[in-house]
Amino acid sequence: MNISSIVIQAKTDHIEDIVKLCEESDFCDYHFHDALKGKIVVTIEGEGIEEEMAKMKRIQSIPHVICADMMMAYSEDELDAERTKLDASSVVPDILNDDKVKLEDIIYRGDLKKKIN
């Protein structure tokens, strides 16, 4: 399951109509809008990216919508893959368990797993 947030930019004089359409729709969940800026925040869900893209295109085709852009996305498949990688990796980098390496010789550059002496 994928869940993504979409920010809709719309013409301000039609914002209430678009909000109503989003609230009543079966393709997105309405959360918030700023009538003065013409922005609406909704979320969409889909079994995959194809379903999400179809819903986003549907939002983009609403009359008086200037644009609709995906801001954040969550994918269970990606999360599961990253959890599998974390479970398979060592919690402590080998360099920190090596008694031959002096601590003052370790230069931290943001990732000890990729450290090259």
PDB file of N, CA and C in Angstrom:
ATOM      1  N   MET A   1       0.850  -1.184   0.000  1.00  0.00           N
ATOM      2  CA  MET A   1       0.000   0.000   0.000  1.00  0.00           C
ATOM      3  C   MET A   1       0.887   1.236   0.000  1.00  0.00           C
ATOM      4  N   ASN A   2       0.578   2.169  -0.866  1.00  0.00           N
ATOM      5  CA  ASN A   2       1.265   3.452  -0.943  1.00  0.00           C
ATOM      6  C   ASN A   2       0.312   4.545  -0.470  1.00  0.00           C
ATOM      7  N   ILE A   3       0.865   5.520   0.236  1.00  0.00           N
ATOM      8  CA  ILE A   3       0.100   6.694   0.658  1.00  0.00           C
ATOM      9  C   ILE A   3       0.942   7.912   0.322  1.00  0.00           C
ATOM     10  N   SER A   4       0.343   8.898  -0.335  1.00  0.00           N
ATOM     11  CA  SER A   4       1.081  10.107  -0.713  1.00  0.00           C
ATOM     12  C   SER A   4       0.254  11.350  -0.430  1.00  0.00           C
ATOM     13  N   SER A   5       0.961  12.422  -0.087  1.00  0.00           N
ATOM     14  CA  SER A   5       0.287  13.705   0.087  1.00  0.00           C
ATOM     15  C   SER A   5       0.423  14.504  -1.208  1.00  0.00           C
ATOM     16  N   ILE A   6      -0.640  15.196  -1.532  1.00  0.00           N
ATOM     17  CA  ILE A   6      -0.698  16.011  -2.746  1.00  0.00           C
ATOM     18  C   ILE A   6      -1.071  17.434  -2.338  1.00  0.00           C
ATOM     19  N   VAL A   7      -0.307  18.398  -2.858  1.00  0.00           N
ATOM     20  CA  VAL A   7      -0.679  19.807  -2.685  1.00  0.00           C
ATOM     21  C   VAL A   7      -1.245  20.276  -4.015  1.00  0.00           C
ATOM     22  N   ILE A   8      -2.473  20.755  -3.941  1.00  0.00           N
ATOM     23  CA  ILE A   8      -3.181  21.248  -5.120  1.00  0.00           C
ATOM     24  C   ILE A   8      -3.108  22.769  -5.104  1.00  0.00           C
ATOM     25  N   GLN A   9      -2.686  23.350  -6.211  1.00  0.00           N
ATOM     26  CA  GLN A   9      -2.724  24.802  -6.381  1.00  0.00           C
ATOM     27  C   GLN A   9      -3.906  25.087  -7.296  1.00  0.00           C
ATOM     28  N   ALA A  10      -4.824  25.930  -6.817  1.00  0.00           N
ATOM     29  CA  ALA A  10      -6.044  26.200  -7.570  1.00  0.00           C
ATOM     30  C   ALA A  10      -6.310  27.696  -7.640  1.00  0.00           C
ATOM     31  N   LYS A  11      -7.167  28.050  -8.561  1.00  0.00           N
ATOM     32  CA  LYS A  11      -7.593  29.448  -8.648  1.00  0.00           C
ATOM     33  C   LYS A  11      -8.429  29.748  -7.414  1.00  0.00           C
ATOM     34  N   THR A  12      -8.125  30.845  -6.736  1.00  0.00           N
ATOM     35  CA  THR A  12      -8.749  31.145  -5.449  1.00  0.00           C
ATOM     36  C   THR A  12     -10.257  31.326  -5.535  1.00  0.00           C
ATOM     37  N   ASP A  13     -10.746  31.821  -6.658  1.00  0.00           N
ATOM     38  CA  ASP A  13     -12.194  32.034  -6.750  1.00  0.00           C
ATOM     39  C   ASP A  13     -12.972  30.727  -6.936  1.00  0.00           C
ATOM     40  N   HIS A  14     -12.279  29.605  -7.106  1.00  0.00           N
ATOM     41  CA  HIS A  14     -12.942  28.301  -7.256  1.00  0.00           C
ATOM     42  C   HIS A  14     -12.528  27.309  -6.164  1.00  0.00           C
ATOM     43  N   ILE A  15     -11.849  27.800  -5.154  1.00  0.00           N
ATOM     44  CA  ILE A  15     -11.289  26.910  -4.138  1.00  0.00           C
ATOM     45  C   ILE A  15     -12.360  26.109  -3.395  1.00  0.00           C
ATOM     46  N   GLU A  16     -13.461  26.737  -3.044  1.00  0.00           N
ATOM     47  CA  GLU A  16     -14.505  26.035  -2.282  1.00  0.00           C
ATOM     48  C   GLU A  16     -15.125  24.902  -3.101  1.00  0.00           C
ATOM     49  N   ASP A  17     -15.303  25.118  -4.388  1.00  0.00           N
ATOM     50  CA  ASP A  17     -15.853  24.057  -5.248  1.00  0.00           C
ATOM     51  C   ASP A  17     -14.905  22.867  -5.326  1.00  0.00           C
ATOM     52  N   ILE A  18     -13.617  23.155  -5.434  1.00  0.00           N
ATOM     53  CA  ILE A  18     -12.627  22.081  -5.523  1.00  0.00           C
ATOM     54  C   ILE A  18     -12.529  21.333  -4.199  1.00  0.00           C
ATOM     55  N   VAL A  19     -12.565  22.065  -3.085  1.00  0.00           N
ATOM     56  CA  VAL A  19     -12.550  21.428  -1.762  1.00  0.00           C
ATOM     57  C   VAL A  19     -13.742  20.497  -1.624  1.00  0.00           C
ATOM     58  N   LYS A  20     -14.913  20.965  -2.012  1.00  0.00           N
ATOM     59  CA  LYS A  20     -16.126  20.143  -1.919  1.00  0.00           C
ATOM     60  C   LYS A  20     -15.993  18.878  -2.764  1.00  0.00           C
ATOM     61  N   LEU A  21     -15.488  19.040  -3.972  1.00  0.00           N
ATOM     62  CA  LEU A  21     -15.288  17.886  -4.844  1.00  0.00           C
ATOM     63  C   LEU A  21     -14.323  16.884  -4.213  1.00  0.00           C
ATOM     64  N   CYS A  22     -13.232  17.376  -3.629  1.00  0.00           N
ATOM     65  CA  CYS A  22     -12.253  16.497  -2.974  1.00  0.00           C
ATOM     66  C   CYS A  22     -12.865  15.795  -1.762  1.00  0.00           C
ATOM     67  N   GLU A  23     -13.651  16.519  -0.985  1.00  0.00           N
ATOM     68  CA  GLU A  23     -14.290  15.924   0.188  1.00  0.00           C
ATOM     69  C   GLU A  23     -15.246  14.799  -0.200  1.00  0.00           C
ATOM     70  N   GLU A  24     -15.935  14.961  -1.315  1.00  0.00           N
ATOM     71  CA  GLU A  24     -16.941  13.990  -1.744  1.00  0.00           C
ATOM     72  C   GLU A  24     -16.380  12.900  -2.655  1.00  0.00           C
ATOM     73  N   SER A  25     -15.110  13.016  -3.030  1.00  0.00           N
ATOM     74  CA  SER A  25     -14.533  12.099  -4.016  1.00  0.00           C
ATOM     75  C   SER A  25     -14.207  10.739  -3.410  1.00  0.00           C
ATOM     76  N   ASP A  26     -14.000   9.776  -4.301  1.00  0.00           N
ATOM     77  CA  ASP A  26     -13.551   8.446  -3.894  1.00  0.00           C
ATOM     78  C   ASP A  26     -12.074   8.235  -4.251  1.00  0.00           C
ATOM     79  N   PHE A  27     -11.400   9.284  -4.713  1.00  0.00           N
ATOM     80  CA  PHE A  27     -10.009   9.134  -5.145  1.00  0.00           C
ATOM     81  C   PHE A  27      -9.006   9.886  -4.273  1.00  0.00           C
ATOM     82  N   CYS A  28      -9.477  10.687  -3.309  1.00  0.00           N
ATOM     83  CA  CYS A  28      -8.561  11.364  -2.400  1.00  0.00           C
ATOM     84  C   CYS A  28      -9.264  11.672  -1.082  1.00  0.00           C
ATOM     85  N   ASP A  29      -8.445  11.962  -0.075  1.00  0.00           N
ATOM     86  CA  ASP A  29      -8.960  12.382   1.233  1.00  0.00           C
ATOM     87  C   ASP A  29      -8.516  13.814   1.482  1.00  0.00           C
ATOM     88  N   TYR A  30      -9.490  14.694   1.689  1.00  0.00           N
ATOM     89  CA  TYR A  30      -9.226  16.113   1.923  1.00  0.00           C
ATOM     90  C   TYR A  30      -8.773  16.311   3.368  1.00  0.00           C
ATOM     91  N   HIS A  31      -7.775  17.228   3.564  1.00  0.00           N
ATOM     92  CA  HIS A  31      -7.280  17.503   4.917  1.00  0.00           C
ATOM     93  C   HIS A  31      -7.298  18.983   5.292  1.00  0.00           C
ATOM     94  N   PHE A  32      -6.949  19.865   4.356  1.00  0.00           N
ATOM     95  CA  PHE A  32      -6.754  21.268   4.716  1.00  0.00           C
ATOM     96  C   PHE A  32      -6.733  22.117   3.461  1.00  0.00           C
ATOM     97  N   HIS A  33      -7.116  23.384   3.621  1.00  0.00           N
ATOM     98  CA  HIS A  33      -6.918  24.313   2.508  1.00  0.00           C
ATOM     99  C   HIS A  33      -6.691  25.728   3.030  1.00  0.00           C
ATOM    100  N   ASP A  34      -6.059  26.533   2.203  1.00  0.00           N
ATOM    101  CA  ASP A  34      -5.830  27.945   2.467  1.00  0.00           C
ATOM    102  C   ASP A  34      -6.469  28.697   1.308  1.00  0.00           C
ATOM    103  N   ALA A  35      -7.630  29.264   1.562  1.00  0.00           N
ATOM    104  CA  ALA A  35      -8.407  29.924   0.509  1.00  0.00           C
ATOM    105  C   ALA A  35      -7.685  31.132  -0.067  1.00  0.00           C
ATOM    106  N   LEU A  36      -6.896  31.826   0.756  1.00  0.00           N
ATOM    107  CA  LEU A  36      -6.189  33.017   0.275  1.00  0.00           C
ATOM    108  C   LEU A  36      -5.044  32.668  -0.677  1.00  0.00           C
ATOM    109  N   LYS A  37      -4.392  31.547  -0.435  1.00  0.00           N
ATOM    110  CA  LYS A  37      -3.270  31.121  -1.283  1.00  0.00           C
ATOM    111  C   LYS A  37      -3.695  30.144  -2.369  1.00  0.00           C
ATOM    112  N   GLY A  38      -4.912  29.632  -2.275  1.00  0.00           N
ATOM    113  CA  GLY A  38      -5.387  28.685  -3.277  1.00  0.00           C
ATOM    114  C   GLY A  38      -4.751  27.315  -3.180  1.00  0.00           C
ATOM    115  N   LYS A  39      -4.367  26.930  -1.979  1.00  0.00           N
ATOM    116  CA  LYS A  39      -3.715  25.625  -1.784  1.00  0.00           C
ATOM    117  C   LYS A  39      -4.647  24.670  -1.033  1.00  0.00           C
ATOM    118  N   ILE A  40      -4.624  23.421  -1.466  1.00  0.00           N
ATOM    119  CA  ILE A  40      -5.426  22.370  -0.849  1.00  0.00           C
ATOM    120  C   ILE A  40      -4.498  21.182  -0.606  1.00  0.00           C
ATOM    121  N   VAL A  41      -4.616  20.551   0.555  1.00  0.00           N
ATOM    122  CA  VAL A  41      -3.810  19.373   0.871  1.00  0.00           C
ATOM    123  C   VAL A  41      -4.731  18.163   0.944  1.00  0.00           C
ATOM    124  N   VAL A  42      -4.378  17.142   0.171  1.00  0.00           N
ATOM    125  CA  VAL A  42      -5.126  15.880   0.168  1.00  0.00           C
ATOM    126  C   VAL A  42      -4.123  14.731   0.236  1.00  0.00           C
ATOM    127  N   THR A  43      -4.624  13.548   0.544  1.00  0.00           N
ATOM    128  CA  THR A  43      -3.801  12.347   0.429  1.00  0.00           C
ATOM    129  C   THR A  43      -4.488  11.376  -0.518  1.00  0.00           C
ATOM    130  N   ILE A  44      -3.655  10.552  -1.144  1.00  0.00           N
ATOM    131  CA  ILE A  44      -4.168   9.501  -2.014  1.00  0.00           C
ATOM    132  C   ILE A  44      -3.535   8.182  -1.569  1.00  0.00           C
ATOM    133  N   GLU A  45      -4.233   7.091  -1.843  1.00  0.00           N
ATOM    134  CA  GLU A  45      -3.736   5.760  -1.519  1.00  0.00           C
ATOM    135  C   GLU A  45      -3.820   4.889  -2.758  1.00  0.00           C
ATOM    136  N   GLY A  46      -2.932   3.912  -2.836  1.00  0.00           N
ATOM    137  CA  GLY A  46      -2.969   2.987  -3.956  1.00  0.00           C
ATOM    138  C   GLY A  46      -2.165   1.739  -3.665  1.00  0.00           C
ATOM    139  N   GLU A  47      -2.501   0.675  -4.353  1.00  0.00           N
ATOM    140  CA  GLU A  47      -1.750  -0.575  -4.201  1.00  0.00           C
ATOM    141  C   GLU A  47      -0.356  -0.453  -4.799  1.00  0.00           C
ATOM    142  N   GLY A  48      -0.180   0.457  -5.716  1.00  0.00           N
ATOM    143  CA  GLY A  48       1.116   0.681  -6.338  1.00  0.00           C
ATOM    144  C   GLY A  48       1.184   2.081  -6.902  1.00  0.00           C
ATOM    145  N   ILE A  49       2.332   2.413  -7.463  1.00  0.00           N
ATOM    146  CA  ILE A  49       2.542   3.760  -8.005  1.00  0.00           C
ATOM    147  C   ILE A  49       1.606   4.057  -9.164  1.00  0.00           C
ATOM    148  N   GLU A  50       1.256   3.021  -9.935  1.00  0.00           N
ATOM    149  CA  GLU A  50       0.360   3.233 -11.082  1.00  0.00           C
ATOM    150  C   GLU A  50      -1.007   3.750 -10.625  1.00  0.00           C
ATOM    151  N   GLU A  51      -1.533   3.143  -9.558  1.00  0.00           N
ATOM    152  CA  GLU A  51      -2.840   3.581  -9.036  1.00  0.00           C
ATOM    153  C   GLU A  51      -2.751   5.002  -8.478  1.00  0.00           C
ATOM    154  N   GLU A  52      -1.654   5.296  -7.793  1.00  0.00           N
ATOM    155  CA  GLU A  52      -1.483   6.642  -7.259  1.00  0.00           C
ATOM    156  C   GLU A  52      -1.371   7.679  -8.377  1.00  0.00           C
ATOM    157  N   MET A  53      -0.616   7.358  -9.406  1.00  0.00           N
ATOM    158  CA  MET A  53      -0.456   8.297 -10.516  1.00  0.00           C
ATOM    159  C   MET A  53      -1.784   8.541 -11.220  1.00  0.00           C
ATOM    160  N   ALA A  54      -2.599   7.505 -11.359  1.00  0.00           N
ATOM    161  CA  ALA A  54      -3.919   7.672 -11.980  1.00  0.00           C
ATOM    162  C   ALA A  54      -4.781   8.622 -11.146  1.00  0.00           C
ATOM    163  N   LYS A  55      -4.715   8.492  -9.832  1.00  0.00           N
ATOM    164  CA  LYS A  55      -5.491   9.383  -8.951  1.00  0.00           C
ATOM    165  C   LYS A  55      -4.958  10.810  -9.012  1.00  0.00           C
ATOM    166  N   MET A  56      -3.632  10.959  -9.073  1.00  0.00           N
ATOM    167  CA  MET A  56      -3.068  12.298  -9.162  1.00  0.00           C
ATOM    168  C   MET A  56      -3.459  12.965 -10.485  1.00  0.00           C
ATOM    169  N   LYS A  57      -3.447  12.206 -11.579  1.00  0.00           N
ATOM    170  CA  LYS A  57      -3.868  12.763 -12.875  1.00  0.00           C
ATOM    171  C   LYS A  57      -5.339  13.162 -12.837  1.00  0.00           C
ATOM    172  N   ARG A  58      -6.125  12.400 -12.108  1.00  0.00           N
ATOM    173  CA  ARG A  58      -7.551  12.747 -11.971  1.00  0.00           C
ATOM    174  C   ARG A  58      -7.697  14.084 -11.245  1.00  0.00           C
ATOM    175  N   ILE A  59      -6.895  14.272 -10.195  1.00  0.00           N
ATOM    176  CA  ILE A  59      -6.910  15.543  -9.464  1.00  0.00           C
ATOM    177  C   ILE A  59      -6.455  16.678 -10.376  1.00  0.00           C
ATOM    178  N   GLN A  60      -5.408  16.449 -11.147  1.00  0.00           N
ATOM    179  CA  GLN A  60      -4.882  17.478 -12.045  1.00  0.00           C
ATOM    180  C   GLN A  60      -5.893  17.883 -13.111  1.00  0.00           C
ATOM    181  N   SER A  61      -6.814  16.982 -13.437  1.00  0.00           N
ATOM    182  CA  SER A  61      -7.800  17.287 -14.483  1.00  0.00           C
ATOM    183  C   SER A  61      -9.047  18.005 -13.963  1.00  0.00           C
ATOM    184  N   ILE A  62      -9.119  18.250 -12.663  1.00  0.00           N
ATOM    185  CA  ILE A  62     -10.265  18.971 -12.099  1.00  0.00           C
ATOM    186  C   ILE A  62     -10.242  20.401 -12.643  1.00  0.00           C
ATOM    187  N   PRO A  63     -11.389  20.901 -13.120  1.00  0.00           N
ATOM    188  CA  PRO A  63     -11.427  22.282 -13.622  1.00  0.00           C
ATOM    189  C   PRO A  63     -10.937  23.286 -12.567  1.00  0.00           C
ATOM    190  N   HIS A  64     -10.174  24.243 -13.002  1.00  0.00           N
ATOM    191  CA  HIS A  64      -9.627  25.339 -12.197  1.00  0.00           C
ATOM    192  C   HIS A  64      -8.458  24.926 -11.302  1.00  0.00           C
ATOM    193  N   VAL A  65      -7.977  23.686 -11.445  1.00  0.00           N
ATOM    194  CA  VAL A  65      -6.750  23.279 -10.755  1.00  0.00           C
ATOM    195  C   VAL A  65      -5.580  23.702 -11.637  1.00  0.00           C
ATOM    196  N   ILE A  66      -4.672  24.465 -11.060  1.00  0.00           N
ATOM    197  CA  ILE A  66      -3.497  24.916 -11.794  1.00  0.00           C
ATOM    198  C   ILE A  66      -2.467  23.790 -11.852  1.00  0.00           C
ATOM    199  N   CYS A  67      -2.214  23.158 -10.694  1.00  0.00           N
ATOM    200  CA  CYS A  67      -1.304  22.011 -10.649  1.00  0.00           C
ATOM    201  C   CYS A  67      -1.578  21.207  -9.382  1.00  0.00           C
ATOM    202  N   ALA A  68      -1.154  19.977  -9.394  1.00  0.00           N
ATOM    203  CA  ALA A  68      -1.240  19.096  -8.230  1.00  0.00           C
ATOM    204  C   ALA A  68       0.064  18.309  -8.191  1.00  0.00           C
ATOM    205  N   ASP A  69       0.805  18.463  -7.111  1.00  0.00           N
ATOM    206  CA  ASP A  69       2.131  17.853  -7.011  1.00  0.00           C
ATOM    207  C   ASP A  69       2.232  16.969  -5.775  1.00  0.00           C
ATOM    208  N   MET A  70       2.890  15.821  -5.956  1.00  0.00           N
ATOM    209  CA  MET A  70       3.134  14.906  -4.854  1.00  0.00           C
ATOM    210  C   MET A  70       4.236  15.496  -3.975  1.00  0.00           C
ATOM    211  N   MET A  71       3.971  15.599  -2.688  1.00  0.00           N
ATOM    212  CA  MET A  71       4.941  16.189  -1.765  1.00  0.00           C
ATOM    213  C   MET A  71       5.675  15.126  -0.963  1.00  0.00           C
ATOM    214  N   MET A  72       4.961  14.134  -0.477  1.00  0.00           N
ATOM    215  CA  MET A  72       5.572  13.053   0.293  1.00  0.00           C
ATOM    216  C   MET A  72       4.909  11.754  -0.103  1.00  0.00           C
ATOM    217  N   ALA A  73       5.684  10.678  -0.041  1.00  0.00           N
ATOM    218  CA  ALA A  73       5.149   9.369  -0.390  1.00  0.00           C
ATOM    219  C   ALA A  73       5.637   8.327   0.604  1.00  0.00           C
ATOM    220  N   TYR A  74       4.784   7.384   0.907  1.00  0.00           N
ATOM    221  CA  TYR A  74       5.116   6.273   1.781  1.00  0.00           C
ATOM    222  C   TYR A  74       4.775   4.986   1.041  1.00  0.00           C
ATOM    223  N   SER A  75       5.712   4.066   1.026  1.00  0.00           N
ATOM    224  CA  SER A  75       5.500   2.791   0.360  1.00  0.00           C
ATOM    225  C   SER A  75       5.863   1.670   1.315  1.00  0.00           C
ATOM    226  N   GLU A  76       4.909   0.798   1.615  1.00  0.00           N
ATOM    227  CA  GLU A  76       5.183  -0.329   2.500  1.00  0.00           C
ATOM    228  C   GLU A  76       6.283  -1.210   1.937  1.00  0.00           C
ATOM    229  N   ASP A  77       6.277  -1.435   0.611  1.00  0.00           N
ATOM    230  CA  ASP A  77       7.293  -2.289  -0.003  1.00  0.00           C
ATOM    231  C   ASP A  77       8.696  -1.729   0.212  1.00  0.00           C
ATOM    232  N   GLU A  78       8.860  -0.426   0.026  1.00  0.00           N
ATOM    233  CA  GLU A  78      10.165   0.196   0.230  1.00  0.00           C
ATOM    234  C   GLU A  78      10.578   0.116   1.691  1.00  0.00           C
ATOM    235  N   LEU A  79       9.629   0.344   2.596  1.00  0.00           N
ATOM    236  CA  LEU A  79       9.925   0.269   4.021  1.00  0.00           C
ATOM    237  C   LEU A  79      10.347  -1.144   4.404  1.00  0.00           C
ATOM    238  N   ASP A  80       9.634  -2.150   3.908  1.00  0.00           N
ATOM    239  CA  ASP A  80       9.986  -3.542   4.199  1.00  0.00           C
ATOM    240  C   ASP A  80      11.375  -3.882   3.666  1.00  0.00           C
ATOM    241  N   ALA A  81      11.707  -3.397   2.479  1.00  0.00           N
ATOM    242  CA  ALA A  81      13.022  -3.654   1.902  1.00  0.00           C
ATOM    243  C   ALA A  81      14.124  -3.025   2.753  1.00  0.00           C
ATOM    244  N   GLU A  82      13.912  -1.807   3.225  1.00  0.00           N
ATOM    245  CA  GLU A  82      14.904  -1.136   4.068  1.00  0.00           C
ATOM    246  C   GLU A  82      15.044  -1.835   5.411  1.00  0.00           C
ATOM    247  N   ARG A  83      13.935  -2.313   5.972  1.00  0.00           N
ATOM    248  CA  ARG A  83      14.004  -3.060   7.241  1.00  0.00           C
ATOM    249  C   ARG A  83      14.809  -4.351   7.055  1.00  0.00           C
ATOM    250  N   THR A  84      14.614  -5.020   5.918  1.00  0.00           N
ATOM    251  CA  THR A  84      15.361  -6.249   5.633  1.00  0.00           C
ATOM    252  C   THR A  84      16.853  -5.956   5.557  1.00  0.00           C
ATOM    253  N   LYS A  85      17.222  -4.836   4.894  1.00  0.00           N
ATOM    254  CA  LYS A  85      18.628  -4.447   4.804  1.00  0.00           C
ATOM    255  C   LYS A  85      19.211  -4.152   6.190  1.00  0.00           C
ATOM    256  N   LEU A  86      18.444  -3.448   7.015  1.00  0.00           N
ATOM    257  CA  LEU A  86      18.921  -3.124   8.363  1.00  0.00           C
ATOM    258  C   LEU A  86      19.101  -4.386   9.203  1.00  0.00           C
ATOM    259  N   ASP A  87      18.161  -5.310   9.096  1.00  0.00           N
ATOM    260  CA  ASP A  87      18.249  -6.562   9.855  1.00  0.00           C
ATOM    261  C   ASP A  87      19.467  -7.377   9.439  1.00  0.00           C
ATOM    262  N   ALA A  88      19.845  -7.306   8.180  1.00  0.00           N
ATOM    263  CA  ALA A  88      20.973  -8.097   7.664  1.00  0.00           C
ATOM    264  C   ALA A  88      22.316  -7.431   7.924  1.00  0.00           C
ATOM    265  N   SER A  89      22.312  -6.134   8.220  1.00  0.00           N
ATOM    266  CA  SER A  89      23.575  -5.426   8.400  1.00  0.00           C
ATOM    267  C   SER A  89      24.025  -5.480   9.855  1.00  0.00           C
ATOM    268  N   SER A  90      25.309  -5.289  10.033  1.00  0.00           N
ATOM    269  CA  SER A  90      25.872  -5.239  11.372  1.00  0.00           C
ATOM    270  C   SER A  90      25.504  -3.902  12.004  1.00  0.00           C
ATOM    271  N   VAL A  91      25.146  -3.945  13.257  1.00  0.00           N
ATOM    272  CA  VAL A  91      24.770  -2.716  13.956  1.00  0.00           C
ATOM    273  C   VAL A  91      25.993  -1.827  14.177  1.00  0.00           C
ATOM    274  N   VAL A  92      27.110  -2.462  14.469  1.00  0.00           N
ATOM    275  CA  VAL A  92      28.343  -1.724  14.726  1.00  0.00           C
ATOM    276  C   VAL A  92      29.308  -1.971  13.565  1.00  0.00           C
ATOM    277  N   PRO A  93      29.800  -0.924  12.918  1.00  0.00           N
ATOM    278  CA  PRO A  93      30.758  -1.105  11.823  1.00  0.00           C
ATOM    279  C   PRO A  93      32.001  -1.852  12.307  1.00  0.00           C
ATOM    280  N   ASP A  94      32.570  -2.694  11.440  1.00  0.00           N
ATOM    281  CA  ASP A  94      33.736  -3.515  11.781  1.00  0.00           C
ATOM    282  C   ASP A  94      34.904  -2.687  12.293  1.00  0.00           C
ATOM    283  N   ILE A  95      35.097  -1.499  11.730  1.00  0.00           N
ATOM    284  CA  ILE A  95      36.224  -0.655  12.128  1.00  0.00           C
ATOM    285  C   ILE A  95      36.191  -0.317  13.623  1.00  0.00           C
ATOM    286  N   LEU A  96      35.014  -0.235  14.197  1.00  0.00           N
ATOM    287  CA  LEU A  96      34.898   0.106  15.616  1.00  0.00           C
ATOM    288  C   LEU A  96      35.196  -1.087  16.524  1.00  0.00           C
ATOM    289  N   ASN A  97      35.170  -2.283  15.981  1.00  0.00           N
ATOM    290  CA  ASN A  97      35.489  -3.493  16.755  1.00  0.00           C
ATOM    291  C   ASN A  97      36.910  -3.991  16.505  1.00  0.00           C
ATOM    292  N   ASP A  98      37.671  -3.275  15.691  1.00  0.00           N
ATOM    293  CA  ASP A  98      39.031  -3.682  15.347  1.00  0.00           C
ATOM    294  C   ASP A  98      40.002  -3.084  16.362  1.00  0.00           C
ATOM    295  N   ASP A  99      40.609  -3.947  17.195  1.00  0.00           N
ATOM    296  CA  ASP A  99      41.532  -3.482  18.239  1.00  0.00           C
ATOM    297  C   ASP A  99      42.815  -2.886  17.667  1.00  0.00           C
ATOM    298  N   LYS A 100      43.112  -3.138  16.415  1.00  0.00           N
ATOM    299  CA  LYS A 100      44.330  -2.623  15.787  1.00  0.00           C
ATOM    300  C   LYS A 100      44.177  -1.164  15.347  1.00  0.00           C
ATOM    301  N   VAL A 101      42.965  -0.694  15.277  1.00  0.00           N
ATOM    302  CA  VAL A 101      42.709   0.678  14.827  1.00  0.00           C
ATOM    303  C   VAL A 101      42.651   1.602  16.036  1.00  0.00           C
ATOM    304  N   LYS A 102      43.455   2.663  15.979  1.00  0.00           N
ATOM    305  CA  LYS A 102      43.453   3.651  17.053  1.00  0.00           C
ATOM    306  C   LYS A 102      42.273   4.603  16.841  1.00  0.00           C
ATOM    307  N   LEU A 103      41.597   4.947  17.903  1.00  0.00           N
ATOM    308  CA  LEU A 103      40.436   5.839  17.804  1.00  0.00           C
ATOM    309  C   LEU A 103      40.799   7.177  17.159  1.00  0.00           C
ATOM    310  N   GLU A 104      41.985   7.686  17.470  1.00  0.00           N
ATOM    311  CA  GLU A 104      42.379   8.978  16.896  1.00  0.00           C
ATOM    312  C   GLU A 104      42.638   8.900  15.392  1.00  0.00           C
ATOM    313  N   ASP A 105      42.771   7.676  14.862  1.00  0.00           N
ATOM    314  CA  ASP A 105      42.970   7.502  13.424  1.00  0.00           C
ATOM    315  C   ASP A 105      41.656   7.412  12.645  1.00  0.00           C
ATOM    316  N   ILE A 106      40.557   7.326  13.368  1.00  0.00           N
ATOM    317  CA  ILE A 106      39.247   7.233  12.708  1.00  0.00           C
ATOM    318  C   ILE A 106      38.754   8.648  12.413  1.00  0.00           C
ATOM    319  N   ILE A 107      38.506   8.913  11.154  1.00  0.00           N
ATOM    320  CA  ILE A 107      37.970  10.209  10.743  1.00  0.00           C
ATOM    321  C   ILE A 107      36.514   9.992  10.348  1.00  0.00           C
ATOM    322  N   TYR A 108      35.629  10.620  11.073  1.00  0.00           N
ATOM    323  CA  TYR A 108      34.194  10.447  10.812  1.00  0.00           C
ATOM    324  C   TYR A 108      33.759  11.396   9.709  1.00  0.00           C
ATOM    325  N   ARG A 109      33.189  10.829   8.646  1.00  0.00           N
ATOM    326  CA  ARG A 109      32.698  11.626   7.519  1.00  0.00           C
ATOM    327  C   ARG A 109      31.226  11.348   7.270  1.00  0.00           C
ATOM    328  N   GLY A 110      30.510  10.979   8.322  1.00  0.00           N
ATOM    329  CA  GLY A 110      29.079  10.760   8.179  1.00  0.00           C
ATOM    330  C   GLY A 110      28.653   9.331   7.987  1.00  0.00           C
ATOM    331  N   ASP A 111      29.623   8.415   7.678  1.00  0.00           N
ATOM    332  CA  ASP A 111      29.251   7.021   7.456  1.00  0.00           C
ATOM    333  C   ASP A 111      30.465   6.131   7.689  1.00  0.00           C
ATOM    334  N   LEU A 112      30.550   5.528   8.850  1.00  0.00           N
ATOM    335  CA  LEU A 112      31.701   4.689   9.184  1.00  0.00           C
ATOM    336  C   LEU A 112      31.710   3.386   8.382  1.00  0.00           C
ATOM    337  N   LYS A 113      30.576   2.946   7.902  1.00  0.00           N
ATOM    338  CA  LYS A 113      30.528   1.702   7.123  1.00  0.00           C
ATOM    339  C   LYS A 113      31.265   1.857   5.792  1.00  0.00           C
ATOM    340  N   LYS A 114      31.367   3.078   5.285  1.00  0.00           N
ATOM    341  CA  LYS A 114      32.039   3.321   4.011  1.00  0.00           C
ATOM    342  C   LYS A 114      33.443   3.897   4.211  1.00  0.00           C
ATOM    343  N   LYS A 115      33.920   3.904   5.456  1.00  0.00           N
ATOM    344  CA  LYS A 115      35.237   4.471   5.772  1.00  0.00           C
ATOM    345  C   LYS A 115      36.328   3.659   5.108  1.00  0.00           C
ATOM    346  N   ILE A 116      37.234   4.351   4.437  1.00  0.00           N
ATOM    347  CA  ILE A 116      38.395   3.712   3.807  1.00  0.00           C
ATOM    348  C   ILE A 116      39.631   4.263   4.475  1.00  0.00           C
ATOM    349  N   ASN A 117      40.515   3.378   4.975  1.00  0.00           N
ATOM    350  CA  ASN A 117      41.757   3.845   5.612  1.00  0.00           C
ATOM    351  C   ASN A 117      42.805   4.169   4.575  1.00  0.00           C
TER     352      ASN A 117
END
